[in-house]
Amino acid sequence: LGSADRAPATAEIVAAPDGGREARFAWNAIDLEGEPGALSVRVQVVLPPNRGLATWRLWVDNRSGQWGLWQVDFPVFGGLLAAGQYDVAFPHRNWGKRFAACSARLTGDYPTGWSMPMQFCAAWRQDSGVYLAAHDPGAWKKTFTLEPGQESSVRTFAEDMGVPGSSFQAPFPVVAGVFRGGWLEAAG
């Protein structure tokens, strides 16, 4: 199920308790093959005041007697960066690497020291950048994908994978947004 498949049943922007803004979206009673109304999805995006980094959360309520969740790609950003226009810092092969003028597809599995030892990546040009991270102290298994000009996402694997009726509540927030600076500011 992709977000472009249908408009949300409800969408609202409200004031957050800290003075920021909170966007809430809900898709209710989504039909699955042979099971009308078996799935509901909620998304919350919180943008604190005076910061360009939003916190993203997802809930999937699965009432299916036949279908179970295996993995969740959330959030998925289409065309996040222009290919070849940004330097990308991507934790990779136990250290991290700067991919200058990146146009390549970068992907890594966390937690692994070899594939992806940290839970974030960043891209910048001149003095501004884009940050994508899982703020996950529980170190859940996840896959980061960053492909400039295409799709970028964080994949989380569901508990009770494939069990009919298995639901999903994001065990951690994904933080994404813009910042001033380069690699050092993103890492700080």
N, C-alpha and C. Protein backbone atom coordinates (compact mmCIF):
# COMPACT_ATOMS: atom_id res chain seq x y z
N LEU A 1 0.85 -1.17 0.00
CA LEU A 1 0.00 0.00 0.00
C LEU A 1 0.89 1.23 0.00
N GLY A 2 0.80 2.04 -0.99
CA GLY A 2 1.58 3.27 -1.05
C GLY A 2 0.70 4.47 -0.76
N SER A 3 1.30 5.55 -0.29
CA SER A 3 0.53 6.74 0.05
C SER A 3 -0.13 7.35 -1.18
N ALA A 4 0.42 7.12 -2.35
CA ALA A 4 -0.17 7.67 -3.57
C ALA A 4 -1.37 6.86 -4.04
N ASP A 5 -1.62 5.71 -3.41
CA ASP A 5 -2.73 4.86 -3.83
C ASP A 5 -4.10 5.46 -3.52
N ARG A 6 -4.17 6.25 -2.46
CA ARG A 6 -5.46 6.83 -2.08
C ARG A 6 -5.25 8.04 -1.17
N ALA A 7 -6.22 8.93 -1.18
CA ALA A 7 -6.17 10.10 -0.29
C ALA A 7 -6.52 9.66 1.12
N PRO A 8 -5.99 10.34 2.14
CA PRO A 8 -6.35 9.97 3.51
C PRO A 8 -7.81 10.27 3.79
N ALA A 9 -8.40 9.50 4.70
CA ALA A 9 -9.78 9.73 5.12
C ALA A 9 -9.86 11.01 5.96
N THR A 10 -8.82 11.24 6.77
CA THR A 10 -8.74 12.47 7.55
C THR A 10 -7.32 13.01 7.47
N ALA A 11 -7.22 14.33 7.50
CA ALA A 11 -5.92 15.01 7.52
C ALA A 11 -6.12 16.32 8.26
N GLU A 12 -5.24 16.57 9.23
CA GLU A 12 -5.36 17.82 9.98
C GLU A 12 -3.98 18.28 10.44
N ILE A 13 -3.84 19.58 10.63
CA ILE A 13 -2.64 20.16 11.20
C ILE A 13 -3.08 20.90 12.44
N VAL A 14 -2.43 20.58 13.57
CA VAL A 14 -2.79 21.17 14.85
C VAL A 14 -1.53 21.73 15.52
N ALA A 15 -1.73 22.55 16.52
CA ALA A 15 -0.61 23.07 17.30
C ALA A 15 -0.09 21.96 18.20
N ALA A 16 1.23 21.77 18.23
CA ALA A 16 1.85 20.79 19.11
C ALA A 16 2.06 21.43 20.48
N PRO A 17 2.15 20.63 21.54
CA PRO A 17 2.31 21.19 22.89
C PRO A 17 3.54 22.08 23.06
N ASP A 18 4.60 21.85 22.27
CA ASP A 18 5.82 22.64 22.41
C ASP A 18 5.81 23.91 21.56
N GLY A 19 4.68 24.21 20.93
CA GLY A 19 4.58 25.40 20.09
C GLY A 19 4.83 25.13 18.62
N GLY A 20 5.19 23.91 18.28
CA GLY A 20 5.39 23.54 16.90
C GLY A 20 4.07 23.18 16.23
N ARG A 21 4.16 22.40 15.19
CA ARG A 21 2.97 21.96 14.44
C ARG A 21 2.97 20.44 14.34
N GLU A 22 1.79 19.86 14.29
CA GLU A 22 1.65 18.41 14.16
C GLU A 22 0.65 18.12 13.05
N ALA A 23 1.08 17.31 12.09
CA ALA A 23 0.18 16.87 11.02
C ALA A 23 -0.24 15.44 11.32
N ARG A 24 -1.52 15.17 11.17
CA ARG A 24 -2.08 13.83 11.42
C ARG A 24 -2.86 13.39 10.18
N PHE A 25 -2.60 12.17 9.76
CA PHE A 25 -3.28 11.59 8.61
C PHE A 25 -3.81 10.22 8.99
N ALA A 26 -4.97 9.86 8.46
CA ALA A 26 -5.52 8.53 8.73
C ALA A 26 -6.18 7.98 7.47
N TRP A 27 -5.93 6.71 7.24
CA TRP A 27 -6.58 5.96 6.18
C TRP A 27 -7.36 4.85 6.87
N ASN A 28 -8.69 4.90 6.81
CA ASN A 28 -9.53 3.95 7.54
C ASN A 28 -10.13 2.93 6.59
N ALA A 29 -10.33 1.74 7.09
CA ALA A 29 -11.06 0.69 6.38
C ALA A 29 -10.54 0.47 4.96
N ILE A 30 -9.25 0.20 4.84
CA ILE A 30 -8.64 -0.10 3.55
C ILE A 30 -8.92 -1.55 3.21
N ASP A 31 -9.36 -1.79 2.01
CA ASP A 31 -9.68 -3.16 1.58
C ASP A 31 -8.42 -3.94 1.23
N LEU A 32 -8.35 -5.17 1.67
CA LEU A 32 -7.34 -6.12 1.23
C LEU A 32 -8.06 -7.17 0.38
N GLU A 33 -7.31 -7.89 -0.41
CA GLU A 33 -7.92 -8.89 -1.29
C GLU A 33 -8.81 -9.85 -0.50
N GLY A 34 -10.12 -9.82 -0.80
CA GLY A 34 -11.08 -10.70 -0.14
C GLY A 34 -11.49 -10.26 1.26
N GLU A 35 -10.98 -9.12 1.73
CA GLU A 35 -11.31 -8.65 3.07
C GLU A 35 -11.53 -7.14 3.07
N PRO A 36 -12.76 -6.72 2.88
CA PRO A 36 -13.04 -5.29 2.88
C PRO A 36 -12.78 -4.67 4.25
N GLY A 37 -12.16 -3.49 4.25
CA GLY A 37 -11.96 -2.72 5.48
C GLY A 37 -11.02 -3.35 6.49
N ALA A 38 -10.10 -4.18 6.06
CA ALA A 38 -9.25 -4.95 6.99
C ALA A 38 -8.06 -4.17 7.55
N LEU A 39 -7.77 -3.01 6.99
CA LEU A 39 -6.55 -2.32 7.37
C LEU A 39 -6.83 -0.84 7.62
N SER A 40 -6.19 -0.29 8.65
CA SER A 40 -6.23 1.15 8.91
C SER A 40 -4.81 1.62 9.18
N VAL A 41 -4.50 2.84 8.75
CA VAL A 41 -3.15 3.38 8.89
C VAL A 41 -3.26 4.80 9.45
N ARG A 42 -2.37 5.12 10.41
CA ARG A 42 -2.27 6.48 10.94
C ARG A 42 -0.82 6.94 10.84
N VAL A 43 -0.65 8.21 10.50
CA VAL A 43 0.67 8.83 10.41
C VAL A 43 0.64 10.12 11.22
N GLN A 44 1.72 10.36 11.95
CA GLN A 44 1.89 11.60 12.71
C GLN A 44 3.25 12.20 12.33
N VAL A 45 3.24 13.48 11.99
CA VAL A 45 4.48 14.21 11.70
C VAL A 45 4.50 15.44 12.59
N VAL A 46 5.54 15.53 13.44
CA VAL A 46 5.64 16.64 14.37
C VAL A 46 6.86 17.49 13.98
N LEU A 47 6.62 18.78 13.80
CA LEU A 47 7.70 19.72 13.49
C LEU A 47 7.81 20.70 14.65
N PRO A 48 8.90 20.61 15.43
CA PRO A 48 9.06 21.52 16.55
C PRO A 48 9.30 22.95 16.07
N PRO A 49 9.08 23.93 16.95
CA PRO A 49 9.31 25.33 16.53
C PRO A 49 10.80 25.57 16.30
N ASN A 50 11.10 26.39 15.33
CA ASN A 50 12.46 26.84 15.05
C ASN A 50 13.43 25.72 14.70
N ARG A 51 12.95 24.62 14.15
CA ARG A 51 13.82 23.53 13.70
C ARG A 51 13.27 22.98 12.40
N GLY A 52 14.14 22.51 11.56
CA GLY A 52 13.71 21.95 10.29
C GLY A 52 13.63 20.44 10.29
N LEU A 53 13.73 19.80 11.49
CA LEU A 53 13.73 18.34 11.57
C LEU A 53 12.40 17.86 12.13
N ALA A 54 11.66 17.12 11.34
CA ALA A 54 10.35 16.60 11.74
C ALA A 54 10.47 15.16 12.24
N THR A 55 9.62 14.81 13.20
CA THR A 55 9.56 13.46 13.75
C THR A 55 8.36 12.75 13.13
N TRP A 56 8.62 11.59 12.52
CA TRP A 56 7.60 10.82 11.81
C TRP A 56 7.29 9.53 12.56
N ARG A 57 5.99 9.22 12.71
CA ARG A 57 5.56 7.96 13.34
C ARG A 57 4.43 7.34 12.53
N LEU A 58 4.33 6.01 12.62
CA LEU A 58 3.34 5.26 11.83
C LEU A 58 2.70 4.18 12.69
N TRP A 59 1.40 3.98 12.50
CA TRP A 59 0.65 2.89 13.12
C TRP A 59 -0.16 2.19 12.03
N VAL A 60 -0.13 0.87 12.01
CA VAL A 60 -0.92 0.07 11.07
C VAL A 60 -1.76 -0.89 11.90
N ASP A 61 -3.07 -0.80 11.76
CA ASP A 61 -3.99 -1.71 12.44
C ASP A 61 -4.49 -2.71 11.42
N ASN A 62 -4.06 -3.95 11.57
CA ASN A 62 -4.36 -5.01 10.61
C ASN A 62 -5.39 -5.95 11.24
N ARG A 63 -6.59 -5.99 10.67
CA ARG A 63 -7.66 -6.86 11.17
C ARG A 63 -7.89 -8.05 10.24
N SER A 64 -6.93 -8.34 9.40
CA SER A 64 -7.08 -9.40 8.40
C SER A 64 -6.96 -10.78 9.03
N GLY A 65 -7.77 -11.68 8.56
CA GLY A 65 -7.66 -13.09 8.96
C GLY A 65 -6.74 -13.86 8.03
N GLN A 66 -6.26 -13.20 6.97
CA GLN A 66 -5.46 -13.87 5.95
C GLN A 66 -4.07 -13.25 5.76
N TRP A 67 -3.96 -11.93 5.92
CA TRP A 67 -2.73 -11.21 5.58
C TRP A 67 -1.99 -10.72 6.81
N GLY A 68 -0.67 -10.80 6.76
CA GLY A 68 0.17 -10.29 7.84
C GLY A 68 1.23 -9.35 7.27
N LEU A 69 1.76 -8.50 8.11
CA LEU A 69 2.82 -7.58 7.71
C LEU A 69 4.18 -8.27 7.79
N TRP A 70 5.04 -7.96 6.85
CA TRP A 70 6.41 -8.45 6.86
C TRP A 70 7.39 -7.32 7.14
N GLN A 71 7.18 -6.21 6.46
CA GLN A 71 8.07 -5.07 6.59
C GLN A 71 7.29 -3.80 6.31
N VAL A 72 7.82 -2.70 6.81
CA VAL A 72 7.19 -1.41 6.60
C VAL A 72 8.27 -0.44 6.10
N ASP A 73 8.04 0.19 4.97
CA ASP A 73 8.92 1.23 4.44
C ASP A 73 8.28 2.56 4.80
N PHE A 74 8.89 3.26 5.77
CA PHE A 74 8.30 4.51 6.24
C PHE A 74 9.35 5.35 6.93
N PRO A 75 9.36 6.61 6.60
CA PRO A 75 8.69 7.25 5.47
C PRO A 75 9.42 6.94 4.16
N VAL A 76 8.73 7.17 3.09
CA VAL A 76 9.32 7.03 1.76
C VAL A 76 9.24 8.42 1.11
N PHE A 77 10.40 8.93 0.72
CA PHE A 77 10.46 10.25 0.08
C PHE A 77 10.84 10.06 -1.38
N GLY A 78 10.02 10.55 -2.28
CA GLY A 78 10.32 10.50 -3.70
C GLY A 78 11.11 11.72 -4.11
N GLY A 79 12.21 11.52 -4.83
CA GLY A 79 13.00 12.64 -5.35
C GLY A 79 13.57 13.53 -4.27
N LEU A 80 13.99 12.94 -3.14
CA LEU A 80 14.48 13.72 -2.00
C LEU A 80 15.62 14.66 -2.36
N LEU A 81 16.55 14.20 -3.16
CA LEU A 81 17.71 15.01 -3.55
C LEU A 81 17.86 14.97 -5.07
N ALA A 82 18.37 16.03 -5.64
CA ALA A 82 18.69 16.00 -7.06
C ALA A 82 19.97 15.18 -7.24
N ALA A 83 19.93 14.20 -8.13
CA ALA A 83 21.08 13.33 -8.37
C ALA A 83 22.29 14.15 -8.80
N GLY A 84 23.44 13.84 -8.19
CA GLY A 84 24.69 14.50 -8.55
C GLY A 84 24.86 15.90 -8.01
N GLN A 85 23.93 16.38 -7.21
CA GLN A 85 23.97 17.76 -6.72
C GLN A 85 24.40 17.88 -5.25
N TYR A 86 24.43 16.76 -4.53
CA TYR A 86 24.73 16.79 -3.10
C TYR A 86 25.84 15.81 -2.77
N ASP A 87 26.64 16.16 -1.76
CA ASP A 87 27.56 15.20 -1.16
C ASP A 87 26.76 14.45 -0.11
N VAL A 88 26.96 13.15 -0.03
CA VAL A 88 26.21 12.32 0.91
C VAL A 88 27.18 11.66 1.88
N ALA A 89 26.87 11.75 3.16
CA ALA A 89 27.59 11.01 4.20
C ALA A 89 26.73 9.82 4.56
N PHE A 90 27.27 8.64 4.33
CA PHE A 90 26.51 7.40 4.57
C PHE A 90 27.39 6.45 5.37
N PRO A 91 27.00 6.12 6.61
CA PRO A 91 27.80 5.18 7.40
C PRO A 91 27.89 3.86 6.66
N HIS A 92 29.10 3.42 6.38
CA HIS A 92 29.25 2.26 5.50
C HIS A 92 30.58 1.59 5.77
N ARG A 93 30.56 0.29 5.85
CA ARG A 93 31.77 -0.51 6.00
C ARG A 93 32.59 -0.11 7.22
N ASN A 94 31.89 0.00 8.35
CA ASN A 94 32.46 0.20 9.67
C ASN A 94 32.90 1.63 9.96
N TRP A 95 32.98 2.50 8.99
CA TRP A 95 33.40 3.86 9.26
C TRP A 95 32.36 4.86 8.78
N GLY A 96 32.23 4.99 7.57
CA GLY A 96 31.40 6.01 6.96
C GLY A 96 32.15 6.55 5.76
N LYS A 97 31.43 7.08 4.84
CA LYS A 97 32.07 7.53 3.63
C LYS A 97 31.33 8.73 3.08
N ARG A 98 32.09 9.62 2.50
CA ARG A 98 31.51 10.75 1.79
C ARG A 98 31.44 10.38 0.32
N PHE A 99 30.24 10.47 -0.22
CA PHE A 99 30.02 10.22 -1.64
C PHE A 99 29.81 11.59 -2.30
N ALA A 100 30.86 12.11 -2.92
CA ALA A 100 30.81 13.44 -3.53
C ALA A 100 29.89 13.43 -4.74
N ALA A 101 29.09 14.49 -4.88
CA ALA A 101 28.16 14.63 -6.00
C ALA A 101 27.43 13.31 -6.26
N CYS A 102 26.82 12.78 -5.24
CA CYS A 102 26.25 11.43 -5.27
C CYS A 102 25.05 11.31 -6.22
N SER A 103 25.10 10.29 -7.03
CA SER A 103 23.94 9.92 -7.84
C SER A 103 23.67 8.42 -7.72
N ALA A 104 24.46 7.74 -6.89
CA ALA A 104 24.33 6.29 -6.71
C ALA A 104 23.27 5.95 -5.67
N ARG A 105 22.73 4.76 -5.78
CA ARG A 105 21.81 4.21 -4.77
C ARG A 105 22.65 3.67 -3.62
N LEU A 106 22.39 4.18 -2.42
CA LEU A 106 23.10 3.74 -1.22
C LEU A 106 22.11 3.01 -0.32
N THR A 107 22.50 1.87 0.19
CA THR A 107 21.63 1.12 1.09
C THR A 107 22.48 0.44 2.14
N GLY A 108 21.94 0.34 3.34
CA GLY A 108 22.67 -0.31 4.41
C GLY A 108 21.73 -0.87 5.45
N ASP A 109 22.14 -1.97 6.06
CA ASP A 109 21.37 -2.62 7.13
C ASP A 109 21.96 -2.25 8.48
N TYR A 110 21.10 -1.86 9.40
CA TYR A 110 21.50 -1.57 10.77
C TYR A 110 20.78 -2.57 11.67
N PRO A 111 21.35 -3.09 12.72
CA PRO A 111 22.68 -2.83 13.25
C PRO A 111 23.68 -3.84 12.73
N THR A 112 24.62 -3.38 12.01
CA THR A 112 25.78 -4.18 11.62
C THR A 112 26.96 -3.24 11.55
N GLY A 113 28.08 -3.66 12.04
CA GLY A 113 29.27 -2.82 11.99
C GLY A 113 29.79 -2.66 10.58
N TRP A 114 29.56 -3.65 9.74
CA TRP A 114 30.10 -3.61 8.39
C TRP A 114 29.20 -2.85 7.44
N SER A 115 27.91 -3.17 7.42
CA SER A 115 27.01 -2.55 6.46
C SER A 115 26.63 -1.13 6.87
N MET A 116 26.19 -0.95 8.12
CA MET A 116 25.75 0.38 8.56
C MET A 116 25.86 0.46 10.08
N PRO A 117 26.93 1.04 10.61
CA PRO A 117 27.13 1.06 12.04
C PRO A 117 26.37 2.16 12.79
N MET A 118 25.81 3.12 12.08
CA MET A 118 25.04 4.20 12.70
C MET A 118 23.68 4.29 12.02
N GLN A 119 22.72 4.91 12.72
CA GLN A 119 21.34 4.94 12.24
C GLN A 119 20.96 6.25 11.57
N PHE A 120 21.85 6.83 10.79
CA PHE A 120 21.50 8.05 10.10
C PHE A 120 22.38 8.26 8.87
N CYS A 121 21.90 9.13 8.01
CA CYS A 121 22.69 9.58 6.87
C CYS A 121 22.34 11.05 6.63
N ALA A 122 23.17 11.71 5.87
CA ALA A 122 22.95 13.13 5.61
C ALA A 122 23.48 13.48 4.23
N ALA A 123 22.92 14.53 3.67
CA ALA A 123 23.39 15.04 2.38
C ALA A 123 23.45 16.56 2.49
N TRP A 124 24.40 17.16 1.81
CA TRP A 124 24.53 18.61 1.88
C TRP A 124 25.19 19.14 0.62
N ARG A 125 24.96 20.41 0.40
CA ARG A 125 25.70 21.18 -0.60
C ARG A 125 25.82 22.58 -0.04
N GLN A 126 26.98 23.14 -0.22
CA GLN A 126 27.32 24.44 0.36
C GLN A 126 27.08 24.38 1.87
N ASP A 127 26.16 25.17 2.40
CA ASP A 127 25.99 25.21 3.86
C ASP A 127 24.62 24.73 4.33
N SER A 128 23.94 23.92 3.54
CA SER A 128 22.65 23.39 3.99
C SER A 128 22.54 21.92 3.58
N GLY A 129 21.73 21.19 4.34
CA GLY A 129 21.65 19.77 4.08
C GLY A 129 20.33 19.14 4.48
N VAL A 130 20.26 17.83 4.23
CA VAL A 130 19.10 17.01 4.55
C VAL A 130 19.57 15.88 5.46
N TYR A 131 18.80 15.61 6.49
CA TYR A 131 19.12 14.62 7.52
C TYR A 131 18.03 13.56 7.54
N LEU A 132 18.40 12.28 7.63
CA LEU A 132 17.45 11.17 7.74
C LEU A 132 18.00 10.20 8.76
N ALA A 133 17.21 9.94 9.83
CA ALA A 133 17.72 9.10 10.91
C ALA A 133 16.59 8.36 11.60
N ALA A 134 16.94 7.23 12.19
CA ALA A 134 16.06 6.52 13.11
C ALA A 134 16.55 6.86 14.51
N HIS A 135 15.72 7.47 15.32
CA HIS A 135 16.08 7.77 16.70
C HIS A 135 15.61 6.60 17.54
N ASP A 136 16.40 5.53 17.49
CA ASP A 136 16.01 4.22 18.00
C ASP A 136 17.00 3.69 19.03
N PRO A 137 16.78 3.95 20.31
CA PRO A 137 17.70 3.41 21.33
C PRO A 137 17.61 1.89 21.46
N GLY A 138 16.55 1.27 20.94
CA GLY A 138 16.39 -0.18 21.01
C GLY A 138 17.14 -0.93 19.93
N ALA A 139 17.74 -0.23 18.98
CA ALA A 139 18.54 -0.83 17.90
C ALA A 139 17.78 -1.89 17.11
N TRP A 140 16.55 -1.59 16.71
CA TRP A 140 15.77 -2.50 15.86
C TRP A 140 16.48 -2.69 14.52
N LYS A 141 16.28 -3.85 13.93
CA LYS A 141 16.78 -4.14 12.58
C LYS A 141 16.05 -3.23 11.61
N LYS A 142 16.83 -2.59 10.73
CA LYS A 142 16.24 -1.70 9.72
C LYS A 142 17.17 -1.57 8.54
N THR A 143 16.63 -1.10 7.43
CA THR A 143 17.42 -0.86 6.22
C THR A 143 17.18 0.57 5.77
N PHE A 144 18.27 1.30 5.57
CA PHE A 144 18.21 2.65 5.02
C PHE A 144 18.49 2.57 3.52
N THR A 145 17.73 3.33 2.76
CA THR A 145 17.99 3.47 1.33
C THR A 145 17.94 4.96 0.99
N LEU A 146 18.97 5.42 0.32
CA LEU A 146 19.04 6.80 -0.14
C LEU A 146 19.46 6.75 -1.60
N GLU A 147 18.57 7.18 -2.47
CA GLU A 147 18.87 7.20 -3.90
C GLU A 147 18.50 8.57 -4.45
N PRO A 148 19.49 9.45 -4.59
CA PRO A 148 19.21 10.81 -5.06
C PRO A 148 18.41 10.82 -6.36
N GLY A 149 17.36 11.64 -6.36
CA GLY A 149 16.50 11.76 -7.54
C GLY A 149 15.45 10.67 -7.63
N GLN A 150 15.53 9.66 -6.78
CA GLN A 150 14.56 8.56 -6.79
C GLN A 150 13.87 8.49 -5.42
N GLU A 151 13.83 7.31 -4.82
CA GLU A 151 13.19 7.14 -3.52
C GLU A 151 14.22 6.93 -2.41
N SER A 152 13.92 7.49 -1.25
CA SER A 152 14.71 7.28 -0.05
C SER A 152 13.75 6.85 1.05
N SER A 153 14.20 5.89 1.90
CA SER A 153 13.28 5.36 2.91
C SER A 153 14.03 4.68 4.04
N VAL A 154 13.27 4.37 5.09
CA VAL A 154 13.74 3.53 6.18
C VAL A 154 12.79 2.34 6.25
N ARG A 155 13.34 1.15 6.15
CA ARG A 155 12.54 -0.09 6.21
C ARG A 155 12.71 -0.71 7.59
N THR A 156 11.59 -1.03 8.23
CA THR A 156 11.58 -1.71 9.51
C THR A 156 10.87 -3.04 9.33
N PHE A 157 11.34 -4.05 9.99
CA PHE A 157 10.75 -5.38 9.88
C PHE A 157 9.76 -5.57 11.02
N ALA A 158 8.57 -6.06 10.69
CA ALA A 158 7.48 -6.18 11.65
C ALA A 158 7.70 -7.35 12.60
N GLU A 159 7.24 -7.16 13.85
CA GLU A 159 7.18 -8.29 14.77
C GLU A 159 6.08 -9.22 14.25
N ASP A 160 6.17 -10.49 14.56
CA ASP A 160 5.19 -11.48 14.09
C ASP A 160 5.04 -11.43 12.57
N MET A 161 6.17 -11.38 11.88
CA MET A 161 6.18 -11.27 10.42
C MET A 161 5.27 -12.31 9.78
N GLY A 162 4.37 -11.84 8.94
CA GLY A 162 3.53 -12.72 8.15
C GLY A 162 2.37 -13.34 8.90
N VAL A 163 2.25 -13.13 10.19
CA VAL A 163 1.14 -13.70 10.96
C VAL A 163 -0.12 -12.92 10.60
N PRO A 164 -1.19 -13.60 10.15
CA PRO A 164 -2.42 -12.88 9.81
C PRO A 164 -2.88 -12.01 10.98
N GLY A 165 -3.26 -10.79 10.65
CA GLY A 165 -3.74 -9.85 11.65
C GLY A 165 -2.64 -9.13 12.40
N SER A 166 -1.37 -9.38 12.05
CA SER A 166 -0.28 -8.68 12.74
C SER A 166 -0.31 -7.20 12.39
N SER A 167 -0.29 -6.39 13.43
CA SER A 167 -0.32 -4.93 13.27
C SER A 167 1.09 -4.39 13.46
N PHE A 168 1.21 -3.07 13.38
CA PHE A 168 2.53 -2.44 13.50
C PHE A 168 2.38 -1.09 14.17
N GLN A 169 3.18 -0.87 15.19
CA GLN A 169 3.31 0.45 15.79
C GLN A 169 4.80 0.77 15.74
N ALA A 170 5.15 1.86 15.09
CA ALA A 170 6.57 2.21 14.95
C ALA A 170 7.24 2.19 16.31
N PRO A 171 8.27 1.35 16.49
CA PRO A 171 8.94 1.28 17.79
C PRO A 171 9.89 2.44 18.04
N PHE A 172 10.04 3.31 17.07
CA PHE A 172 10.93 4.47 17.19
C PHE A 172 10.48 5.50 16.17
N PRO A 173 10.79 6.77 16.39
CA PRO A 173 10.49 7.77 15.37
C PRO A 173 11.59 7.85 14.33
N VAL A 174 11.22 8.21 13.14
CA VAL A 174 12.18 8.57 12.09
C VAL A 174 12.20 10.09 12.07
N VAL A 175 13.39 10.64 12.04
CA VAL A 175 13.55 12.10 12.01
C VAL A 175 14.13 12.48 10.66
N ALA A 176 13.47 13.40 10.00
CA ALA A 176 13.91 13.83 8.67
C ALA A 176 13.68 15.32 8.53
N GLY A 177 14.59 15.95 7.81
CA GLY A 177 14.41 17.36 7.57
C GLY A 177 15.67 18.03 7.10
N VAL A 178 15.68 19.35 7.23
CA VAL A 178 16.78 20.15 6.72
C VAL A 178 17.57 20.75 7.88
N PHE A 179 18.84 21.06 7.62
CA PHE A 179 19.70 21.67 8.62
C PHE A 179 20.71 22.58 7.94
N ARG A 180 21.35 23.43 8.72
CA ARG A 180 22.42 24.28 8.23
C ARG A 180 23.74 23.63 8.57
N GLY A 181 24.64 23.56 7.62
CA GLY A 181 25.96 23.03 7.86
C GLY A 181 26.26 21.84 6.96
N GLY A 182 27.23 21.04 7.41
CA GLY A 182 27.67 19.87 6.66
C GLY A 182 27.65 18.64 7.53
N TRP A 183 28.59 17.73 7.28
CA TRP A 183 28.64 16.45 7.97
C TRP A 183 28.76 16.61 9.48
N LEU A 184 29.60 17.49 9.96
CA LEU A 184 29.78 17.64 11.41
C LEU A 184 28.50 18.10 12.10
N GLU A 185 27.76 19.01 11.50
CA GLU A 185 26.49 19.46 12.09
C GLU A 185 25.45 18.34 12.06
N ALA A 186 25.43 17.56 11.00
CA ALA A 186 24.49 16.43 10.92
C ALA A 186 24.80 15.38 11.97
N ALA A 187 26.08 15.12 12.20
CA ALA A 187 26.49 14.09 13.15
C ALA A 187 26.31 14.56 14.60
N GLY A 188 26.24 15.84 14.84
CA GLY A 188 26.13 16.38 16.19
C GLY A 188 24.75 16.39 16.65
